[in-house]
Amino acid sequence: AEANISLARVIAAKAKPEFDTARKYLLEGMNMLDKLQIKPRYAVGLLCLGKLHADTGQKEAAIENFKKAEALFVNMGMDYWFGKAREALRAL
């Protein structure tokens, strides 16, 4: 799961990001985390997915993912990551 998310982040960071490929790996990783009920890492995956959407001009999808991540971070007391999600929302 972590490898998929990391690979997706690398693909998204390329000069010419491959949105569909990056999204596919992110969703696969997040699906594994969800099945394993590893909510903290799943929430970070949502943050990465939001960033991918933001970087490719898909503002509404980015906002949706950032807000979902933000809610999970608050529920789990993940203040550092909550701040990252808040920063990402402000940047839009």
Protein backbone atom coordinates (compact mmCIF):
# COMPACT_ATOMS: atom_id res chain seq x y z
CA ALA A 1 0.00 0.00 0.00
CA GLU A 2 2.76 2.42 0.98
CA ALA A 3 4.78 1.50 -2.12
CA ASN A 4 1.79 2.23 -4.36
CA ILE A 5 1.26 5.63 -2.75
CA SER A 6 4.96 6.46 -2.98
CA LEU A 7 5.07 5.40 -6.63
CA ALA A 8 2.02 7.55 -7.36
CA ARG A 9 3.71 10.56 -5.73
CA VAL A 10 6.82 10.04 -7.88
CA ILE A 11 4.74 9.75 -11.06
CA ALA A 12 2.79 12.89 -10.10
CA ALA A 13 6.02 14.83 -9.47
CA LYS A 14 7.40 14.22 -12.96
CA ALA A 15 7.73 17.15 -15.37
CA LYS A 16 4.83 15.64 -17.32
CA PRO A 17 2.76 13.90 -14.64
CA GLU A 18 0.69 10.93 -15.77
CA PHE A 19 -2.54 11.69 -13.92
CA ASP A 20 -4.35 8.43 -14.67
CA THR A 21 -1.40 6.25 -13.71
CA ALA A 22 -0.69 8.20 -10.53
CA ARG A 23 -4.38 8.15 -9.55
CA LYS A 24 -4.57 4.39 -10.21
CA TYR A 25 -1.64 3.65 -7.88
CA LEU A 26 -2.95 6.03 -5.21
CA LEU A 27 -6.39 4.44 -5.22
CA GLU A 28 -4.93 0.91 -5.14
CA GLY A 29 -2.78 1.82 -2.14
CA MET A 30 -5.65 3.55 -0.38
CA ASN A 31 -7.93 0.57 -1.03
CA MET A 32 -5.39 -1.74 0.64
CA LEU A 33 -5.09 0.60 3.62
CA ASP A 34 -8.86 0.79 3.90
CA LYS A 35 -9.18 -3.01 3.90
CA LEU A 36 -6.49 -3.23 6.57
CA GLN A 37 -8.22 -0.43 8.50
CA ILE A 38 -5.06 1.67 8.66
CA LYS A 39 -6.92 4.96 8.82
CA PRO A 40 -3.99 7.32 9.52
CA ARG A 41 -2.15 6.30 6.34
CA TYR A 42 -5.44 6.20 4.40
CA ALA A 43 -6.03 9.84 5.38
CA VAL A 44 -2.54 10.76 4.15
CA GLY A 45 -3.44 9.01 0.89
CA LEU A 46 -6.48 11.29 0.60
CA LEU A 47 -4.20 14.27 1.07
CA CYS A 48 -1.93 13.01 -1.73
CA LEU A 49 -4.94 12.42 -3.96
CA GLY A 50 -6.13 15.95 -3.30
CA LYS A 51 -2.70 17.29 -4.21
CA LEU A 52 -2.72 15.29 -7.44
CA HIS A 53 -6.08 16.79 -8.36
CA ALA A 54 -4.93 20.28 -7.39
CA ASP A 55 -1.75 19.97 -9.45
CA THR A 56 -3.77 18.96 -12.50
CA GLY A 57 -6.29 21.79 -12.19
CA GLN A 58 -9.16 19.75 -10.77
CA LYS A 59 -10.02 22.15 -7.97
CA GLU A 60 -13.37 20.68 -6.89
CA ALA A 61 -11.98 17.14 -6.60
CA ALA A 62 -8.97 18.51 -4.72
CA ILE A 63 -11.16 20.37 -2.23
CA GLU A 64 -13.30 17.27 -1.68
CA ASN A 65 -10.27 15.09 -0.91
CA PHE A 66 -8.59 17.72 1.27
CA LYS A 67 -11.77 18.11 3.33
CA LYS A 68 -12.17 14.34 3.77
CA ALA A 69 -8.54 14.09 4.87
CA GLU A 70 -8.96 17.05 7.19
CA ALA A 71 -11.96 15.45 8.92
CA LEU A 72 -10.09 12.19 9.44
CA PHE A 73 -7.04 14.02 10.79
CA VAL A 74 -9.21 15.90 13.30
CA ASN A 75 -10.95 12.69 14.43
CA MET A 76 -7.60 10.96 14.98
CA GLY A 77 -5.85 13.93 16.58
CA MET A 78 -3.27 14.16 13.77
CA ASP A 79 -2.49 17.85 14.19
CA TYR A 80 0.57 17.94 11.93
CA TRP A 81 -1.32 16.41 9.00
CA PHE A 82 -4.39 18.51 9.72
CA GLY A 83 -2.16 21.57 9.27
CA LYS A 84 -0.90 20.19 5.95
CA ALA A 85 -4.46 19.67 4.72
CA ARG A 86 -5.42 23.18 5.86
CA GLU A 87 -2.41 24.65 4.00
CA ALA A 88 -3.37 22.74 0.86
CA LEU A 89 -6.93 24.10 1.01
CA ARG A 90 -5.67 27.66 1.47
CA ALA A 91 -3.36 27.28 -1.53
CA LEU A 92 -6.33 26.68 -3.79
